[in-house]
């Protein structure tokens, strides 16, 4: 976003990552009412959030912490993909 300082940008990216992660975890925890399209969109959002975090914050200060979050996000993506595939059988 234009005119966004680095701290604001990082906060926005983290909020997006957190929201996507929370959605996927809610589905994995057995949350009801999710359509397949909802789940696919949530998986896509989390993948994109991981990619953005890796591109912007995968190096430098706090890189180790960021890489841990990304790894956890990608594990959640794989688990959600498996759960979705099972659901669609």
N, C-alpha and C. Protein backbone atom coordinates (compact mmCIF):
# COMPACT_ATOMS: atom_id res chain seq x y z
N UNK A 1 0.84 -1.18 0.00
CA UNK A 1 0.00 0.00 0.00
C UNK A 1 0.88 1.24 0.00
N UNK A 2 0.43 2.26 -0.64
CA UNK A 2 1.19 3.50 -0.71
C UNK A 2 1.20 4.20 0.63
N UNK A 3 2.30 4.91 0.90
CA UNK A 3 2.45 5.73 2.10
C UNK A 3 2.38 4.92 3.39
N UNK A 4 2.69 3.66 3.31
CA UNK A 4 2.66 2.80 4.48
C UNK A 4 4.10 2.65 4.98
N UNK A 5 4.32 2.94 6.27
CA UNK A 5 5.68 2.77 6.77
C UNK A 5 5.94 1.28 6.98
N UNK A 6 7.21 0.89 7.09
CA UNK A 6 7.54 -0.54 7.20
C UNK A 6 6.85 -1.25 8.37
N UNK A 7 6.70 -0.58 9.47
CA UNK A 7 6.03 -1.19 10.63
C UNK A 7 4.55 -1.44 10.34
N UNK A 8 3.90 -0.47 9.71
CA UNK A 8 2.48 -0.63 9.35
C UNK A 8 2.31 -1.76 8.34
N UNK A 9 3.22 -1.81 7.37
CA UNK A 9 3.14 -2.85 6.36
C UNK A 9 3.30 -4.23 7.00
N UNK A 10 4.28 -4.36 7.88
CA UNK A 10 4.50 -5.66 8.54
C UNK A 10 3.27 -6.04 9.36
N UNK A 11 2.68 -5.08 10.04
CA UNK A 11 1.47 -5.35 10.83
C UNK A 11 0.33 -5.82 9.94
N UNK A 12 0.17 -5.17 8.80
CA UNK A 12 -0.89 -5.56 7.85
C UNK A 12 -0.65 -6.97 7.33
N UNK A 13 0.59 -7.27 6.96
CA UNK A 13 0.92 -8.60 6.45
C UNK A 13 0.67 -9.65 7.53
N UNK A 14 1.06 -9.36 8.77
CA UNK A 14 0.85 -10.30 9.86
C UNK A 14 -0.64 -10.50 10.16
N UNK A 15 -1.42 -9.45 10.09
CA UNK A 15 -2.88 -9.59 10.31
C UNK A 15 -3.50 -10.48 9.24
N UNK A 16 -3.06 -10.31 8.01
CA UNK A 16 -3.56 -11.13 6.91
C UNK A 16 -3.17 -12.60 7.12
N UNK A 17 -1.93 -12.82 7.51
CA UNK A 17 -1.46 -14.18 7.79
C UNK A 17 -2.25 -14.78 8.95
N UNK A 18 -2.43 -14.03 10.02
CA UNK A 18 -3.16 -14.52 11.19
C UNK A 18 -4.60 -14.88 10.83
N UNK A 19 -5.26 -14.02 10.06
CA UNK A 19 -6.65 -14.27 9.69
C UNK A 19 -6.75 -15.54 8.84
N UNK A 20 -5.86 -15.69 7.88
CA UNK A 20 -5.87 -16.88 7.02
C UNK A 20 -5.57 -18.14 7.84
N UNK A 21 -4.60 -18.04 8.73
CA UNK A 21 -4.24 -19.18 9.58
C UNK A 21 -5.41 -19.56 10.48
N UNK A 22 -6.03 -18.58 11.10
CA UNK A 22 -7.17 -18.85 11.99
C UNK A 22 -8.32 -19.52 11.24
N UNK A 23 -8.58 -19.09 10.03
CA UNK A 23 -9.64 -19.69 9.23
C UNK A 23 -9.34 -21.17 8.95
N UNK A 24 -8.12 -21.44 8.49
CA UNK A 24 -7.75 -22.82 8.16
C UNK A 24 -7.77 -23.68 9.41
N UNK A 25 -7.25 -23.16 10.52
CA UNK A 25 -7.26 -23.94 11.77
C UNK A 25 -8.68 -24.20 12.26
N UNK A 26 -9.58 -23.25 12.08
CA UNK A 26 -10.97 -23.46 12.48
C UNK A 26 -11.59 -24.60 11.67
N UNK A 27 -11.32 -24.64 10.38
CA UNK A 27 -11.80 -25.73 9.55
C UNK A 27 -11.21 -27.06 10.01
N UNK A 28 -9.90 -27.07 10.25
CA UNK A 28 -9.23 -28.30 10.67
C UNK A 28 -9.72 -28.79 12.03
N UNK A 29 -10.17 -27.87 12.86
CA UNK A 29 -10.65 -28.22 14.20
C UNK A 29 -12.08 -28.76 14.16
N UNK A 30 -12.63 -28.88 12.96
CA UNK A 30 -13.97 -29.45 12.82
C UNK A 30 -15.07 -28.43 12.75
N UNK A 31 -14.70 -27.19 12.47
CA UNK A 31 -15.72 -26.15 12.33
C UNK A 31 -16.73 -26.51 11.26
N UNK A 32 -17.95 -26.16 11.51
CA UNK A 32 -19.04 -26.49 10.57
C UNK A 32 -19.44 -25.27 9.75
N UNK A 33 -20.08 -25.54 8.64
CA UNK A 33 -20.62 -24.46 7.82
C UNK A 33 -19.70 -23.99 6.72
N UNK A 34 -18.56 -24.64 6.56
CA UNK A 34 -17.63 -24.24 5.51
C UNK A 34 -17.95 -24.99 4.22
N UNK A 35 -18.10 -24.27 3.13
CA UNK A 35 -18.26 -24.93 1.84
C UNK A 35 -16.88 -25.28 1.30
N UNK A 36 -16.85 -26.14 0.32
CA UNK A 36 -15.57 -26.47 -0.32
C UNK A 36 -14.92 -25.23 -0.91
N UNK A 37 -15.73 -24.36 -1.47
CA UNK A 37 -15.21 -23.11 -2.04
C UNK A 37 -14.60 -22.22 -0.94
N UNK A 38 -15.25 -22.17 0.22
CA UNK A 38 -14.70 -21.41 1.35
C UNK A 38 -13.33 -21.93 1.73
N UNK A 39 -13.24 -23.25 1.84
CA UNK A 39 -12.00 -23.88 2.26
C UNK A 39 -10.91 -23.66 1.22
N UNK A 40 -11.24 -23.83 -0.04
CA UNK A 40 -10.26 -23.59 -1.10
C UNK A 40 -9.76 -22.15 -1.07
N UNK A 41 -10.66 -21.21 -0.85
CA UNK A 41 -10.26 -19.79 -0.76
C UNK A 41 -9.37 -19.56 0.45
N UNK A 42 -9.70 -20.19 1.58
CA UNK A 42 -8.88 -20.05 2.78
C UNK A 42 -7.49 -20.62 2.58
N UNK A 43 -7.41 -21.75 1.93
CA UNK A 43 -6.11 -22.36 1.63
C UNK A 43 -5.30 -21.45 0.72
N UNK A 44 -5.96 -20.92 -0.30
CA UNK A 44 -5.28 -20.00 -1.23
C UNK A 44 -4.77 -18.76 -0.50
N UNK A 45 -5.61 -18.19 0.39
CA UNK A 45 -5.19 -17.01 1.16
C UNK A 45 -3.99 -17.30 2.03
N UNK A 46 -3.98 -18.47 2.66
CA UNK A 46 -2.86 -18.80 3.53
C UNK A 46 -1.59 -19.04 2.72
N UNK A 47 -1.71 -19.71 1.58
CA UNK A 47 -0.54 -19.90 0.71
C UNK A 47 0.03 -18.54 0.28
N UNK A 48 -0.86 -17.64 -0.14
CA UNK A 48 -0.42 -16.31 -0.57
C UNK A 48 0.22 -15.55 0.58
N UNK A 49 -0.35 -15.65 1.76
CA UNK A 49 0.20 -14.96 2.93
C UNK A 49 1.60 -15.49 3.25
N UNK A 50 1.77 -16.80 3.16
CA UNK A 50 3.10 -17.39 3.38
C UNK A 50 4.09 -16.88 2.35
N UNK A 51 3.68 -16.82 1.10
CA UNK A 51 4.56 -16.34 0.04
C UNK A 51 4.97 -14.89 0.26
N UNK A 52 4.02 -14.06 0.63
CA UNK A 52 4.31 -12.64 0.88
C UNK A 52 5.28 -12.50 2.06
N UNK A 53 5.02 -13.24 3.12
CA UNK A 53 5.91 -13.16 4.28
C UNK A 53 7.32 -13.61 3.92
N UNK A 54 7.41 -14.66 3.13
CA UNK A 54 8.73 -15.15 2.73
C UNK A 54 9.47 -14.12 1.88
N UNK A 55 8.76 -13.53 0.93
CA UNK A 55 9.37 -12.53 0.05
C UNK A 55 9.82 -11.29 0.81
N UNK A 56 8.97 -10.83 1.72
CA UNK A 56 9.25 -9.56 2.39
C UNK A 56 10.10 -9.71 3.65
N UNK A 57 9.95 -10.82 4.37
CA UNK A 57 10.57 -10.92 5.70
C UNK A 57 11.35 -12.20 5.91
N UNK A 58 11.64 -12.94 4.85
CA UNK A 58 12.37 -14.19 4.97
C UNK A 58 13.85 -14.03 5.22
N UNK A 59 14.34 -12.83 5.12
CA UNK A 59 15.75 -12.51 5.36
C UNK A 59 15.84 -11.36 6.35
N UNK A 60 16.97 -11.27 7.01
CA UNK A 60 17.20 -10.13 7.90
C UNK A 60 16.66 -10.34 9.30
N UNK A 61 16.36 -9.22 9.93
CA UNK A 61 15.89 -9.22 11.31
C UNK A 61 14.62 -10.05 11.45
N UNK A 62 14.58 -10.91 12.45
CA UNK A 62 13.44 -11.78 12.75
C UNK A 62 13.17 -12.83 11.69
N UNK A 63 14.14 -13.10 10.82
CA UNK A 63 13.92 -14.07 9.74
C UNK A 63 13.63 -15.47 10.30
N UNK A 64 14.31 -15.85 11.36
CA UNK A 64 14.10 -17.19 11.92
C UNK A 64 12.66 -17.35 12.41
N UNK A 65 12.16 -16.35 13.11
CA UNK A 65 10.77 -16.37 13.59
C UNK A 65 9.81 -16.41 12.41
N UNK A 66 10.07 -15.59 11.41
CA UNK A 66 9.21 -15.55 10.23
C UNK A 66 9.20 -16.90 9.52
N UNK A 67 10.35 -17.51 9.39
CA UNK A 67 10.42 -18.81 8.72
C UNK A 67 9.67 -19.88 9.50
N UNK A 68 9.67 -19.77 10.82
CA UNK A 68 8.90 -20.71 11.64
C UNK A 68 7.41 -20.54 11.38
N UNK A 69 6.95 -19.30 11.33
CA UNK A 69 5.53 -19.04 11.03
C UNK A 69 5.16 -19.56 9.65
N UNK A 70 6.01 -19.30 8.68
CA UNK A 70 5.75 -19.75 7.31
C UNK A 70 5.66 -21.27 7.27
N UNK A 71 6.58 -21.93 7.95
CA UNK A 71 6.57 -23.39 7.99
C UNK A 71 5.28 -23.91 8.60
N UNK A 72 4.85 -23.32 9.69
CA UNK A 72 3.59 -23.72 10.32
C UNK A 72 2.40 -23.47 9.41
N UNK A 73 2.43 -22.35 8.72
CA UNK A 73 1.36 -22.04 7.77
C UNK A 73 1.30 -23.05 6.64
N UNK A 74 2.45 -23.44 6.15
CA UNK A 74 2.47 -24.41 5.04
C UNK A 74 2.04 -25.80 5.49
N UNK A 75 2.35 -26.15 6.72
CA UNK A 75 1.85 -27.42 7.27
C UNK A 75 0.33 -27.39 7.34
N UNK A 76 -0.22 -26.27 7.81
CA UNK A 76 -1.68 -26.13 7.89
C UNK A 76 -2.31 -26.21 6.50
N UNK A 77 -1.65 -25.64 5.50
CA UNK A 77 -2.15 -25.73 4.12
C UNK A 77 -2.22 -27.19 3.68
N UNK A 78 -1.16 -27.93 3.90
CA UNK A 78 -1.14 -29.35 3.51
C UNK A 78 -2.23 -30.13 4.24
N UNK A 79 -2.36 -29.89 5.54
CA UNK A 79 -3.38 -30.60 6.32
C UNK A 79 -4.79 -30.26 5.81
N UNK A 80 -5.01 -29.00 5.48
CA UNK A 80 -6.32 -28.58 4.98
C UNK A 80 -6.60 -29.18 3.61
N UNK A 81 -5.58 -29.26 2.77
CA UNK A 81 -5.76 -29.87 1.45
C UNK A 81 -6.14 -31.35 1.59
N UNK A 82 -5.49 -32.03 2.51
CA UNK A 82 -5.80 -33.44 2.75
C UNK A 82 -7.22 -33.58 3.29
N UNK A 83 -7.58 -32.76 4.27
CA UNK A 83 -8.92 -32.81 4.86
C UNK A 83 -9.99 -32.49 3.83
N UNK A 84 -9.73 -31.52 2.99
CA UNK A 84 -10.68 -31.17 1.93
C UNK A 84 -10.85 -32.33 0.95
N UNK A 85 -9.75 -32.94 0.57
CA UNK A 85 -9.83 -34.09 -0.36
C UNK A 85 -10.63 -35.22 0.26
N UNK A 86 -10.42 -35.48 1.54
CA UNK A 86 -11.19 -36.53 2.23
C UNK A 86 -12.68 -36.19 2.26
N UNK A 87 -12.96 -34.95 2.51
CA UNK A 87 -14.34 -34.48 2.58
C UNK A 87 -15.05 -34.62 1.25
N UNK A 88 -14.32 -34.45 0.17
CA UNK A 88 -14.92 -34.47 -1.16
C UNK A 88 -15.08 -35.88 -1.73
N UNK A 89 -14.60 -36.89 -1.01
CA UNK A 89 -14.75 -38.28 -1.49
C UNK A 89 -16.17 -38.74 -1.41
